[in-house]
C-alpha atoms as a PDB file:
ATOM      1  CA  MET A   1      33.097 -20.077  26.577  1.00  0.00           C
ATOM      2  CA  ALA A   2      29.811 -19.608  25.116  1.00  0.00           C
ATOM      3  CA  SER A   3      28.050 -16.320  24.468  1.00  0.00           C
ATOM      4  CA  THR A   4      25.558 -15.191  27.284  1.00  0.00           C
ATOM      5  CA  ASP A   5      23.756 -12.857  24.807  1.00  0.00           C
ATOM      6  CA  SER A   6      20.297 -13.719  23.909  1.00  0.00           C
ATOM      7  CA  PRO A   7      19.380 -14.095  19.921  1.00  0.00           C
ATOM      8  CA  ALA A   8      16.836 -11.114  20.709  1.00  0.00           C
ATOM      9  CA  ARG A   9      19.718  -8.957  22.152  1.00  0.00           C
ATOM     10  CA  GLN A  10      21.872  -9.716  19.462  1.00  0.00           C
ATOM     11  CA  ALA A  11      19.079  -9.193  16.948  1.00  0.00           C
ATOM     12  CA  SER A  12      18.762  -5.505  18.275  1.00  0.00           C
ATOM     13  CA  VAL A  13      22.158  -4.677  17.865  1.00  0.00           C
ATOM     14  CA  PRO A  14      22.459  -2.123  14.517  1.00  0.00           C
ATOM     15  CA  SER A  15      24.853  -3.517  12.057  1.00  0.00           C
ATOM     16  CA  LEU A  16      27.732  -1.108  11.266  1.00  0.00           C
ATOM     17  CA  PRO A  17      28.534   0.189   7.484  1.00  0.00           C
ATOM     18  CA  ASN A  18      31.371  -1.915   5.830  1.00  0.00           C
ATOM     19  CA  PRO A  19      33.988   0.535   4.905  1.00  0.00           C
ATOM     20  CA  ASP A  20      34.967  -1.703   2.142  1.00  0.00           C
ATOM     21  CA  GLU A  21      31.488  -1.090   0.502  1.00  0.00           C
ATOM     22  CA  LYS A  22      32.115   2.968   0.738  1.00  0.00           C
ATOM     23  CA  ASN A  23      35.611   2.646  -0.661  1.00  0.00           C
ATOM     24  CA  SER A  24      34.199   0.377  -3.314  1.00  0.00           C
ATOM     25  CA  PHE A  25      32.106   3.013  -4.399  1.00  0.00           C
ATOM     26  CA  ILE A  26      34.857   5.811  -4.303  1.00  0.00           C
ATOM     27  CA  SER A  27      37.803   4.364  -5.372  1.00  0.00           C
ATOM     28  CA  PRO A  28      36.600   3.930  -9.206  1.00  0.00           C
ATOM     29  CA  ILE A  29      36.039   8.006  -9.053  1.00  0.00           C
ATOM     30  CA  ALA A  30      39.108   8.787  -7.060  1.00  0.00           C
ATOM     31  CA  ASN A  31      41.411   6.213  -9.777  1.00  0.00           C
ATOM     32  CA  LEU A  32      39.821   7.856 -12.715  1.00  0.00           C
ATOM     33  CA  PHE A  33      40.564  11.707 -11.274  1.00  0.00           C
ATOM     34  CA  THR A  34      43.895  10.525 -10.563  1.00  0.00           C
ATOM     35  CA  ARG A  35      44.479   9.061 -13.897  1.00  0.00           C
ATOM     36  CA  PHE A  36      42.934  12.338 -15.602  1.00  0.00           C
ATOM     37  CA  SER A  37      45.322  14.298 -13.694  1.00  0.00           C
ATOM     38  CA  GLU A  38      48.505  12.267 -14.803  1.00  0.00           C
ATOM     39  CA  TRP A  39      47.353  12.565 -18.210  1.00  0.00           C
ATOM     40  CA  ARG A  40      47.037  16.609 -18.216  1.00  0.00           C
ATOM     41  CA  ARG A  41      50.262  16.238 -16.383  1.00  0.00           C
ATOM     42  CA  LEU A  42      51.972  14.571 -19.112  1.00  0.00           C
ATOM     43  CA  LEU A  43      50.716  16.706 -21.715  1.00  0.00           C
ATOM     44  CA  ASP A  44      52.428  19.652 -19.920  1.00  0.00           C
ATOM     45  CA  LEU A  45      50.292  22.129 -21.429  1.00  0.00           C
ATOM     46  CA  PRO A  46      51.142  25.817 -20.760  1.00  0.00           C
ATOM     47  CA  ASN A  47      48.845  28.466 -18.516  1.00  0.00           C
ATOM     48  CA  PRO A  48      47.078  29.786 -21.427  1.00  0.00           C
ATOM     49  CA  GLY A  49      47.347  33.529 -19.519  1.00  0.00           C
ATOM     50  CA  THR A  50      43.941  35.283 -18.446  1.00  0.00           C
ATOM     51  CA  VAL A  51      41.231  36.749 -20.342  1.00  0.00           C
ATOM     52  CA  GLU A  52      41.857  40.026 -19.569  1.00  0.00           C
ATOM     53  CA  ASN A  53      45.462  39.977 -21.297  1.00  0.00           C
ATOM     54  CA  LEU A  54      44.124  38.183 -24.214  1.00  0.00           C
ATOM     55  CA  GLN A  55      45.646  41.203 -26.400  1.00  0.00           C
ATOM     56  CA  LYS A  56      48.147  42.274 -24.217  1.00  0.00           C
ATOM     57  CA  GLU A  57      50.924  42.200 -27.016  1.00  0.00           C
ATOM     58  CA  VAL A  58      48.829  44.105 -29.258  1.00  0.00           C
ATOM     59  CA  LYS A  59      47.813  46.829 -26.824  1.00  0.00           C
ATOM     60  CA  LEU A  60      51.371  47.365 -25.992  1.00  0.00           C
ATOM     61  CA  THR A  61      52.153  47.670 -29.348  1.00  0.00           C
ATOM     62  CA  HIS A  62      49.436  50.029 -30.720  1.00  0.00           C
ATOM     63  CA  LEU A  63      48.777  53.791 -29.419  1.00  0.00           C
ATOM     64  CA  THR A  64      45.173  53.297 -27.919  1.00  0.00           C
ATOM     65  CA  ASN A  65      46.930  53.266 -24.196  1.00  0.00           C
ATOM     66  CA  PHE A  66      49.714  55.803 -25.084  1.00  0.00           C
ATOM     67  CA  MET A  67      48.445  58.502 -27.058  1.00  0.00           C
ATOM     68  CA  PHE A  68      47.797  61.987 -25.782  1.00  0.00           C
ATOM     69  CA  ASP A  69      47.592  65.499 -26.636  1.00  0.00           C
ATOM     70  CA  GLY A  70      48.302  69.119 -25.330  1.00  0.00           C
ATOM     71  CA  ALA A  71      50.944  68.867 -22.538  1.00  0.00           C
ATOM     72  CA  ARG A  72      51.542  66.335 -19.979  1.00  0.00           C
ATOM     73  CA  ALA A  73      54.189  66.465 -17.308  1.00  0.00           C
ATOM     74  CA  ASP A  74      54.996  63.115 -14.919  1.00  0.00           C
ATOM     75  CA  LEU A  75      56.985  63.310 -11.551  1.00  0.00           C
ATOM     76  CA  ASN A  76      57.882  59.993  -9.935  1.00  0.00           C
ATOM     77  CA  LYS A  77      59.638  59.774  -6.541  1.00  0.00           C
ATOM     78  CA  SER A  78      60.574  56.653  -5.114  1.00  0.00           C
ATOM     79  CA  LEU A  79      60.802  56.672  -1.242  1.00  0.00           C
ATOM     80  CA  SER A  80      61.600  52.875  -0.599  1.00  0.00           C
ATOM     81  CA  VAL A  81      62.401  49.315  -2.155  1.00  0.00           C
ATOM     82  CA  ASN A  82      61.351  47.024   0.218  1.00  0.00           C
ATOM     83  CA  PRO A  83      58.666  47.416   0.623  1.00  0.00           C
ATOM     84  CA  ALA A  84      58.142  49.383  -2.336  1.00  0.00           C
ATOM     85  CA  PHE A  85      56.727  52.992  -2.002  1.00  0.00           C
ATOM     86  CA  GLN A  86      56.604  55.326  -4.562  1.00  0.00           C
ATOM     87  CA  VAL A  87      54.748  58.974  -4.705  1.00  0.00           C
ATOM     88  CA  SER A  88      53.823  60.744  -8.284  1.00  0.00           C
ATOM     89  CA  HIS A  89      52.390  63.901  -9.380  1.00  0.00           C
ATOM     90  CA  SER A  90      50.680  64.483 -12.885  1.00  0.00           C
ATOM     91  CA  PHE A  91      49.708  67.537 -14.937  1.00  0.00           C
ATOM     92  CA  THR A  92      47.821  67.916 -18.259  1.00  0.00           C
ATOM     93  CA  LEU A  93      47.531  70.915 -19.899  1.00  0.00           C
ATOM     94  CA  GLY A  94      45.875  72.388 -23.388  1.00  0.00           C
ATOM     95  CA  SER A  95      44.333  68.756 -24.445  1.00  0.00           C
ATOM     96  CA  GLN A  96      41.347  69.064 -26.611  1.00  0.00           C
ATOM     97  CA  ALA A  97      39.725  65.695 -25.056  1.00  0.00           C
ATOM     98  CA  VAL A  98      40.226  66.355 -21.418  1.00  0.00           C
ATOM     99  CA  PRO A  99      40.141  69.271 -19.549  1.00  0.00           C
ATOM    100  CA  PRO A 100      43.272  70.470 -17.696  1.00  0.00           C
ATOM    101  CA  ALA A 101      43.551  68.364 -14.295  1.00  0.00           C
ATOM    102  CA  TYR A 102      46.357  67.670 -11.523  1.00  0.00           C
ATOM    103  CA  ASN A 103      46.740  63.955  -9.995  1.00  0.00           C
ATOM    104  CA  PHE A 104      48.734  62.569  -7.170  1.00  0.00           C
ATOM    105  CA  GLY A 105      48.882  58.939  -6.795  1.00  0.00           C
ATOM    106  CA  ALA A 106      50.907  56.802  -4.485  1.00  0.00           C
ATOM    107  CA  VAL A 107      51.866  53.019  -4.840  1.00  0.00           C
ATOM    108  CA  TYR A 108      53.090  50.526  -2.045  1.00  0.00           C
ATOM    109  CA  ALA A 109      53.837  46.910  -2.685  1.00  0.00           C
ATOM    110  CA  THR A 110      55.082  43.915  -1.215  1.00  0.00           C
ATOM    111  CA  ASN A 111      55.416  40.301  -2.321  1.00  0.00           C
ATOM    112  CA  SER A 112      51.813  39.537  -1.436  1.00  0.00           C
ATOM    113  CA  ILE A 113      50.118  43.483  -1.530  1.00  0.00           C
ATOM    114  CA  PHE A 114      49.826  45.661  -3.821  1.00  0.00           C
ATOM    115  CA  LEU A 115      48.243  49.189  -2.989  1.00  0.00           C
ATOM    116  CA  GLN A 116      47.747  52.072  -5.283  1.00  0.00           C
ATOM    117  CA  GLY A 117      45.669  55.152  -4.931  1.00  0.00           C
ATOM    118  CA  ASN A 118      45.247  58.518  -6.328  1.00  0.00           C
ATOM    119  CA  VAL A 119      43.053  61.767  -6.577  1.00  0.00           C
ATOM    120  CA  ASP A 120      42.699  64.400  -8.489  1.00  0.00           C
ATOM    121  CA  HIS A 121      42.127  68.557  -8.292  1.00  0.00           C
ATOM    122  CA  GLU A 122      38.353  68.034  -8.184  1.00  0.00           C
ATOM    123  CA  GLY A 123      38.519  65.493  -5.354  1.00  0.00           C
ATOM    124  CA  ASN A 124      37.702  62.339  -7.470  1.00  0.00           C
ATOM    125  CA  VAL A 125      39.472  59.071  -5.479  1.00  0.00           C
ATOM    126  CA  ASN A 126      40.796  56.171  -7.636  1.00  0.00           C
ATOM    127  CA  ALA A 127      41.837  52.728  -5.591  1.00  0.00           C
ATOM    128  CA  ARG A 128      43.121  49.576  -6.447  1.00  0.00           C
ATOM    129  CA  PHE A 129      43.895  46.909  -3.686  1.00  0.00           C
ATOM    130  CA  ASN A 130      45.372  43.353  -4.679  1.00  0.00           C
ATOM    131  CA  GLN A 131      46.249  40.331  -2.389  1.00  0.00           C
ATOM    132  CA  GLY A 132      48.125  37.648  -3.363  1.00  0.00           C
ATOM    133  CA  TRP A 133      47.230  34.294  -1.375  1.00  0.00           C
ATOM    134  CA  SER A 134      49.609  32.179  -3.363  1.00  0.00           C
ATOM    135  CA  GLU A 135      51.359  32.254  -6.806  1.00  0.00           C
ATOM    136  CA  GLN A 136      48.077  31.126  -8.284  1.00  0.00           C
ATOM    137  CA  SER A 137      45.500  32.825  -6.474  1.00  0.00           C
ATOM    138  CA  ILE A 138      45.011  36.878  -6.087  1.00  0.00           C
ATOM    139  CA  SER A 139      42.070  38.549  -5.163  1.00  0.00           C
ATOM    140  CA  LYS A 140      41.519  42.450  -6.433  1.00  0.00           C
ATOM    141  CA  LEU A 141      39.363  45.407  -5.217  1.00  0.00           C
ATOM    142  CA  GLN A 142      39.293  48.233  -7.320  1.00  0.00           C
ATOM    143  CA  ALA A 143      37.243  51.577  -6.159  1.00  0.00           C
ATOM    144  CA  GLN A 144      36.265  54.798  -7.789  1.00  0.00           C
ATOM    145  CA  LEU A 145      34.406  57.657  -5.676  1.00  0.00           C
ATOM    146  CA  SER A 146      32.992  60.852  -7.369  1.00  0.00           C
ATOM    147  CA  HIS A 147      30.904  63.704  -6.342  1.00  0.00           C
ATOM    148  CA  GLN A 148      29.115  63.224  -9.885  1.00  0.00           C
ATOM    149  CA  PRO A 149      26.210  60.885  -9.539  1.00  0.00           C
ATOM    150  CA  GLY A 150      26.583  57.171 -11.315  1.00  0.00           C
ATOM    151  CA  HIS A 151      30.604  57.887 -11.432  1.00  0.00           C
ATOM    152  CA  SER A 152      31.235  55.872  -8.524  1.00  0.00           C
ATOM    153  CA  MET A 153      32.210  52.266  -8.900  1.00  0.00           C
ATOM    154  CA  LEU A 154      33.155  49.259  -6.914  1.00  0.00           C
ATOM    155  CA  GLN A 155      34.626  45.940  -8.608  1.00  0.00           C
ATOM    156  CA  LEU A 156      35.276  42.813  -6.461  1.00  0.00           C
ATOM    157  CA  GLU A 157      37.499  40.519  -8.495  1.00  0.00           C
ATOM    158  CA  HIS A 158      39.432  37.056  -7.861  1.00  0.00           C
ATOM    159  CA  ASP A 159      41.893  35.596 -10.326  1.00  0.00           C
ATOM    160  CA  HIS A 160      42.915  32.101 -10.118  1.00  0.00           C
ATOM    161  CA  GLN A 161      45.650  30.351 -12.590  1.00  0.00           C
ATOM    162  CA  GLY A 162      46.090  26.511 -12.588  1.00  0.00           C
ATOM    163  CA  ARG A 163      48.634  24.726 -14.564  1.00  0.00           C
ATOM    164  CA  ASP A 164      46.847  24.698 -17.966  1.00  0.00           C
ATOM    165  CA  TYR A 165      43.918  27.163 -16.869  1.00  0.00           C
ATOM    166  CA  SER A 166      42.602  30.160 -15.804  1.00  0.00           C
ATOM    167  CA  LEU A 167      39.733  30.743 -14.087  1.00  0.00           C
ATOM    168  CA  ASN A 168      38.401  34.537 -13.283  1.00  0.00           C
ATOM    169  CA  PHE A 169      35.214  36.191 -11.521  1.00  0.00           C
ATOM    170  CA  LYS A 170      34.018  39.880 -11.098  1.00  0.00           C
ATOM    171  CA  ALA A 171      31.351  41.689  -9.378  1.00  0.00           C
ATOM    172  CA  VAL A 172      30.735  45.580 -10.576  1.00  0.00           C
ATOM    173  CA  ASN A 173      28.943  47.333  -7.912  1.00  0.00           C
ATOM    174  CA  PRO A 174      26.990  44.510  -6.262  1.00  0.00           C
ATOM    175  CA  THR A 175      24.154  44.686  -3.909  1.00  0.00           C
ATOM    176  CA  PRO A 176      23.364  41.722  -1.844  1.00  0.00           C
ATOM    177  CA  SER A 177      19.668  42.764  -0.908  1.00  0.00           C
ATOM    178  CA  ASP A 178      18.621  42.368  -4.639  1.00  0.00           C
ATOM    179  CA  LEU A 179      21.648  40.808  -6.239  1.00  0.00           C
ATOM    180  CA  SER A 180      21.731  43.757  -8.928  1.00  0.00           C
ATOM    181  CA  GLY A 181      25.145  44.595 -10.397  1.00  0.00           C
ATOM    182  CA  ILE A 182      27.524  43.562 -13.185  1.00  0.00           C
ATOM    183  CA  TYR A 183      28.854  39.494 -12.873  1.00  0.00           C
ATOM    184  CA  ILE A 184      31.322  38.395 -15.130  1.00  0.00           C
ATOM    185  CA  GLY A 185      32.943  34.829 -15.442  1.00  0.00           C
ATOM    186  CA  SER A 186      35.508  33.650 -17.394  1.00  0.00           C
ATOM    187  CA  TYR A 187      37.578  30.421 -17.952  1.00  0.00           C
ATOM    188  CA  PHE A 188      40.370  29.984 -20.214  1.00  0.00           C
ATOM    189  CA  GLN A 189      41.874  26.526 -21.314  1.00  0.00           C
ATOM    190  CA  ALA A 190      44.972  25.458 -22.936  1.00  0.00           C
ATOM    191  CA  VAL A 191      43.876  22.514 -25.716  1.00  0.00           C
ATOM    192  CA  THR A 192      47.340  21.821 -27.211  1.00  0.00           C
ATOM    193  CA  LYS A 193      50.849  23.685 -26.521  1.00  0.00           C
ATOM    194  CA  ASN A 194      49.809  26.240 -28.825  1.00  0.00           C
ATOM    195  CA  LEU A 195      46.151  26.648 -28.663  1.00  0.00           C
ATOM    196  CA  ALA A 196      44.008  28.008 -25.946  1.00  0.00           C
ATOM    197  CA  LEU A 197      40.042  28.190 -26.020  1.00  0.00           C
ATOM    198  CA  GLY A 198      37.721  29.884 -23.517  1.00  0.00           C
ATOM    199  CA  PHE A 199      34.568  31.783 -22.768  1.00  0.00           C
ATOM    200  CA  GLU A 200      33.731  34.779 -20.730  1.00  0.00           C
ATOM    201  CA  THR A 201      29.997  34.969 -19.526  1.00  0.00           C
ATOM    202  CA  LEU A 202      28.066  38.106 -18.712  1.00  0.00           C
ATOM    203  CA  TYR A 203      24.980  38.765 -16.188  1.00  0.00           C
ATOM    204  CA  GLN A 204      23.925  42.334 -15.581  1.00  0.00           C
ATOM    205  CA  ARG A 205      20.834  42.867 -13.437  1.00  0.00           C
ATOM    206  CA  GLN A 206      19.754  46.375 -12.966  1.00  0.00           C
ATOM    207  CA  SER A 207      16.444  45.884 -11.738  1.00  0.00           C
ATOM    208  CA  PRO A 208      14.343  42.416 -11.254  1.00  0.00           C
ATOM    209  CA  GLU A 209      12.568  43.136 -14.439  1.00  0.00           C
ATOM    210  CA  LEU A 210      15.255  44.226 -16.447  1.00  0.00           C
ATOM    211  CA  THR A 211      18.205  41.676 -17.022  1.00  0.00           C
ATOM    212  CA  GLU A 212      20.801  40.454 -19.343  1.00  0.00           C
ATOM    213  CA  PHE A 213      22.744  37.458 -20.359  1.00  0.00           C
ATOM    214  CA  ALA A 214      25.330  36.956 -22.670  1.00  0.00           C
ATOM    215  CA  THR A 215      28.254  34.673 -23.369  1.00  0.00           C
ATOM    216  CA  SER A 216      31.490  35.409 -25.337  1.00  0.00           C
ATOM    217  CA  TYR A 217      34.022  32.884 -26.866  1.00  0.00           C
ATOM    218  CA  LEU A 218      37.642  33.398 -27.262  1.00  0.00           C
ATOM    219  CA  ALA A 219      40.553  31.726 -28.833  1.00  0.00           C
ATOM    220  CA  LYS A 220      44.269  31.970 -28.765  1.00  0.00           C
ATOM    221  CA  TYR A 221      47.235  30.604 -30.805  1.00  0.00           C
ATOM    222  CA  THR A 222      50.668  30.884 -30.018  1.00  0.00           C
ATOM    223  CA  GLY A 223      53.519  30.290 -32.178  1.00  0.00           C
ATOM    224  CA  THR A 224      55.921  27.499 -31.592  1.00  0.00           C
ATOM    225  CA  LYS A 225      58.660  29.873 -30.918  1.00  0.00           C
ATOM    226  CA  ARG A 226      56.545  32.147 -28.965  1.00  0.00           C
ATOM    227  CA  ASP A 227      57.231  34.804 -31.216  1.00  0.00           C
ATOM    228  CA  TRP A 228      53.526  35.612 -33.103  1.00  0.00           C
ATOM    229  CA  ILE A 229      49.957  35.306 -31.168  1.00  0.00           C
ATOM    230  CA  ALA A 230      46.781  35.375 -32.840  1.00  0.00           C
ATOM    231  CA  THR A 231      43.538  35.742 -31.196  1.00  0.00           C
ATOM    232  CA  ALA A 232      39.735  35.822 -31.708  1.00  0.00           C
ATOM    233  CA  GLN A 233      36.971  37.101 -29.812  1.00  0.00           C
ATOM    234  CA  VAL A 234      33.077  36.553 -30.685  1.00  0.00           C
ATOM    235  CA  GLN A 235      30.424  38.489 -29.186  1.00  0.00           C
ATOM    236  CA  PRO A 236      26.655  37.613 -29.459  1.00  0.00           C
ATOM    237  CA  SER A 237      25.899  41.093 -30.461  1.00  0.00           C
ATOM    238  CA  GLY A 238      27.462  40.244 -33.615  1.00  0.00           C
ATOM    239  CA  ILE A 239      30.977  41.953 -32.773  1.00  0.00           C
ATOM    240  CA  LEU A 240      33.922  39.679 -34.259  1.00  0.00           C
ATOM    241  CA  GLN A 241      37.355  40.895 -33.299  1.00  0.00           C
ATOM    242  CA  THR A 242      40.717  39.346 -34.092  1.00  0.00           C
ATOM    243  CA  THR A 243      43.976  40.334 -33.584  1.00  0.00           C
ATOM    244  CA  TYR A 244      47.773  39.179 -34.655  1.00  0.00           C
ATOM    245  CA  TRP A 245      51.003  40.253 -33.136  1.00  0.00           C
ATOM    246  CA  HIS A 246      54.479  39.141 -34.421  1.00  0.00           C
ATOM    247  CA  LYS A 247      57.933  40.170 -32.991  1.00  0.00           C
ATOM    248  CA  LEU A 248      60.233  40.476 -35.552  1.00  0.00           C
ATOM    249  CA  SER A 249      63.310  40.966 -33.756  1.00  0.00           C
ATOM    250  CA  ASP A 250      64.225  41.858 -30.507  1.00  0.00           C
ATOM    251  CA  LYS A 251      63.693  45.385 -31.449  1.00  0.00           C
ATOM    252  CA  VAL A 252      60.796  45.480 -33.817  1.00  0.00           C
ATOM    253  CA  GLU A 253      57.128  44.522 -33.104  1.00  0.00           C
ATOM    254  CA  VAL A 254      54.126  44.764 -35.362  1.00  0.00           C
ATOM    255  CA  ALA A 255      50.577  44.114 -34.513  1.00  0.00           C
ATOM    256  CA  ALA A 256      47.098  44.482 -36.399  1.00  0.00           C
ATOM    257  CA  ASP A 257      43.839  44.528 -35.259  1.00  0.00           C
ATOM    258  CA  LEU A 258      40.342  43.875 -37.248  1.00  0.00           C
ATOM    259  CA  GLN A 259      36.931  44.450 -35.473  1.00  0.00           C
ATOM    260  CA  VAL A 260      33.936  43.630 -37.483  1.00  0.00           C
ATOM    261  CA  ILE A 261      30.459  44.909 -36.616  1.00  0.00           C
ATOM    262  CA  ALA A 262      27.502  42.760 -38.093  1.00  0.00           C
ATOM    263  CA  ALA A 263      24.548  44.019 -35.783  1.00  0.00           C
ATOM    264  CA  PRO A 264      21.113  44.538 -37.365  1.00  0.00           C
ATOM    265  CA  SER A 265      21.771  48.261 -36.243  1.00  0.00           C
ATOM    266  CA  ARG A 266      25.189  48.874 -37.669  1.00  0.00           C
ATOM    267  CA  ARG A 267      27.295  46.921 -40.112  1.00  0.00           C
ATOM    268  CA  ASP A 268      31.075  48.075 -39.868  1.00  0.00           C
ATOM    269  CA  ALA A 269      34.639  47.472 -40.006  1.00  0.00           C
ATOM    270  CA  ILE A 270      37.874  48.847 -38.800  1.00  0.00           C
ATOM    271  CA  ALA A 271      41.132  47.904 -39.105  1.00  0.00           C
ATOM    272  CA  THR A 272      44.202  49.209 -37.167  1.00  0.00           C
ATOM    273  CA  LEU A 273      47.776  48.456 -38.192  1.00  0.00           C
ATOM    274  CA  GLY A 274      50.720  49.356 -35.600  1.00  0.00           C
ATOM    275  CA  ALA A 275      54.643  49.235 -35.137  1.00  0.00           C
ATOM    276  CA  LYS A 276      56.986  49.463 -32.166  1.00  0.00           C
ATOM    277  CA  TYR A 277      60.676  50.405 -32.154  1.00  0.00           C
ATOM    278  CA  ASP A 278      62.765  49.769 -29.064  1.00  0.00           C
ATOM    279  CA  LEU A 279      66.023  51.639 -29.977  1.00  0.00           C
ATOM    280  CA  ARG A 280      69.247  51.987 -27.381  1.00  0.00           C
ATOM    281  CA  MET A 281      67.528  54.988 -25.713  1.00  0.00           C
ATOM    282  CA  SER A 282      63.952  55.491 -27.257  1.00  0.00           C
ATOM    283  CA  THR A 283      60.625  54.068 -28.179  1.00  0.00           C
ATOM    284  CA  PHE A 284      58.692  54.456 -31.305  1.00  0.00           C
ATOM    285  CA  ARG A 285      55.596  53.624 -31.947  1.00  0.00           C
ATOM    286  CA  ALA A 286      53.475  54.298 -35.331  1.00  0.00           C
ATOM    287  CA  GLN A 287      49.965  53.371 -35.788  1.00  0.00           C
ATOM    288  CA  LEU A 288      47.495  53.587 -38.781  1.00  0.00           C
ATOM    289  CA  ASP A 289      43.584  52.909 -38.941  1.00  0.00           C
ATOM    290  CA  SER A 290      41.292  52.281 -41.682  1.00  0.00           C
ATOM    291  CA  THR A 291      39.145  55.646 -40.570  1.00  0.00           C
ATOM    292  CA  GLY A 292      42.116  57.824 -41.847  1.00  0.00           C
ATOM    293  CA  LYS A 293      44.184  58.419 -38.658  1.00  0.00           C
ATOM    294  CA  VAL A 294      47.547  58.280 -38.738  1.00  0.00           C
ATOM    295  CA  SER A 295      49.234  58.260 -35.181  1.00  0.00           C
ATOM    296  CA  ALA A 296      52.962  58.143 -34.039  1.00  0.00           C
ATOM    297  CA  LEU A 297      54.702  58.446 -30.550  1.00  0.00           C
ATOM    298  CA  LEU A 298      58.609  58.910 -29.781  1.00  0.00           C
ATOM    299  CA  GLU A 299      59.688  58.583 -26.074  1.00  0.00           C
ATOM    300  CA  GLN A 300      63.114  59.532 -25.623  1.00  0.00           C
ATOM    301  CA  LYS A 301      65.625  59.030 -22.682  1.00  0.00           C
ATOM    302  CA  PHE A 302      68.264  61.603 -22.404  1.00  0.00           C
ATOM    303  CA  ALA A 303      68.692  59.733 -18.679  1.00  0.00           C
ATOM    304  CA  PRO A 304      67.289  56.972 -16.794  1.00  0.00           C
ATOM    305  CA  THR A 305      65.834  59.681 -14.855  1.00  0.00           C
ATOM    306  CA  PHE A 306      64.471  62.075 -17.727  1.00  0.00           C
ATOM    307  CA  ALA A 307      62.617  61.269 -20.728  1.00  0.00           C
ATOM    308  CA  PHE A 308      60.782  63.462 -23.406  1.00  0.00           C
ATOM    309  CA  LEU A 309      57.507  62.448 -25.317  1.00  0.00           C
ATOM    310  CA  VAL A 310      55.892  63.724 -28.381  1.00  0.00           C
ATOM    311  CA  ALA A 311      52.603  62.443 -30.123  1.00  0.00           C
ATOM    312  CA  GLY A 312      50.936  63.446 -33.074  1.00  0.00           C
ATOM    313  CA  GLU A 313      47.751  62.197 -34.827  1.00  0.00           C
ATOM    314  CA  ILE A 314      46.434  63.274 -38.152  1.00  0.00           C
ATOM    315  CA  ASP A 315      42.946  62.418 -39.027  1.00  0.00           C
ATOM    316  CA  HIS A 316      42.419  62.799 -42.935  1.00  0.00           C
ATOM    317  CA  PHE A 317      38.860  62.115 -43.060  1.00  0.00           C
ATOM    318  CA  LYS A 318      38.066  64.876 -40.689  1.00  0.00           C
ATOM    319  CA  ASN A 319      41.121  67.203 -41.768  1.00  0.00           C
ATOM    320  CA  ALA A 320      42.260  67.373 -37.795  1.00  0.00           C
ATOM    321  CA  ALA A 321      45.378  67.142 -36.304  1.00  0.00           C
ATOM    322  CA  LYS A 322      46.602  67.044 -32.684  1.00  0.00           C
ATOM    323  CA  VAL A 323      50.125  67.419 -31.028  1.00  0.00           C
ATOM    324  CA  GLY A 324      51.275  66.334 -27.562  1.00  0.00           C
ATOM    325  CA  VAL A 325      54.634  67.201 -25.717  1.00  0.00           C
ATOM    326  CA  GLY A 326      55.267  65.460 -22.449  1.00  0.00           C
ATOM    327  CA  VAL A 327      57.990  64.919 -19.685  1.00  0.00           C
ATOM    328  CA  MET A 328      58.642  62.210 -17.375  1.00  0.00           C
ATOM    329  CA  ILE A 329      61.102  62.657 -14.705  1.00  0.00           C
ATOM    330  CA  GLU A 330      61.910  59.995 -11.779  1.00  0.00           C
ATOM    331  CA  SER A 331      63.701  61.065  -8.590  1.00  0.00           C
ATOM    332  CA  SER A 332      64.533  59.016  -5.568  1.00  0.00           C
ATOM    333  CA  ASN A 333      66.081  59.526  -2.047  1.00  0.00           C
ATOM    334  CA  LEU A 334      67.209  56.128  -1.745  1.00  0.00           C
ATOM    335  CA  THR A 335      71.135  55.146  -2.450  1.00  0.00           C
ATOM    336  CA  PRO A 336      73.034  53.468  -5.554  1.00  0.00           C
ATOM    337  CA  GLU A 337      73.248  50.466  -3.489  1.00  0.00           C
ATOM    338  CA  GLU A 338      69.364  50.722  -2.390  1.00  0.00           C
ATOM    339  CA  MET A 339      68.305  50.948  -5.833  1.00  0.00           C
ATOM    340  CA  GLY A 340      70.274  47.777  -6.852  1.00  0.00           C
ATOM    341  CA  MET A 341      72.783  49.979  -8.865  1.00  0.00           C
ATOM    342  CA  PRO A 342      76.841  49.383  -8.463  1.00  0.00           C
ATOM    343  CA  PRO A 343      78.532  51.747  -6.336  1.00  0.00           C
ATOM    344  CA  GLN A 344      79.811  54.420  -7.907  1.00  0.00           C
ATOM    345  CA  PRO A 345      84.101  54.331  -7.417  1.00  0.00           C
ATOM    346  CA  PRO A 346      85.303  57.018  -5.359  1.00  0.00           C
ATOM    347  CA  MET A 347      86.594  60.465  -6.767  1.00  0.00           C
ATOM    348  CA  ILE A 348      90.617  60.615  -6.866  1.00  0.00           C
END
């Protein structure tokens, strides 16, 4: 049967888009992305870690984050394992750097949530909250509340770990009204199985008239056996920092740090060499730097729940010395089975 539509009616019907034309435009892009993803998968590159942990092994070997002076006591008590819940009491007294202080803290953690908070005797509060959306994606919040002007802080952060890269974004004291605050973004990419390159960009906006923009460049080279790591970081202000960490054995680690400052107003260099020895019931750290400081820290465990610490530092150039002693005590209301320990045999 012939069509009854007139030629004018047929001409007024709009022509539908041809799906083949749309697919012909998208297919080359999709194929290129698929081939690129397959090529990266075949390279089997490892995750390079985060920029924040670029010098993690060196910091765990050196005394920078462990040194103290005066008297110190840390009392920890575990109340639950799943979910993990722990409270702590910390005391410091007689330090040359900080006044006497008391700090109460609590930690709550599950498979996807981490909560930590502490308050000192002056009412200053520190809080941290981590939300894990997946094994690769974590959102973080950190806050500090203080009665002293300018000491309160709010930091928002998101960390994403890819197969062979890491992405991180931070916002410190952000103000949505005028976009003031500090914003930091970083990207770290594995180039080979041993080499990773990346950058970290900082944008600081104190006011619409006063802004700062700076980018640092990072490099990390890991030995084939993962027993040594070398890193380098170059900042636009004229600062170069390089580190080297080497695991000599299961119980001995050494690390070196070199910081070179070549700014117009200052030219200086500081070198630090440290070592860590893990013995059966103790850990000993020693450190020497180019400023004339020699320091050491011994952590001796007399029992799984009791440790004694002794720290000392001598500054030869200033003819000064520091000494610190401390104890760490852990207690729990949990049974050995709840703590994951084998049950004790019955007494006969």
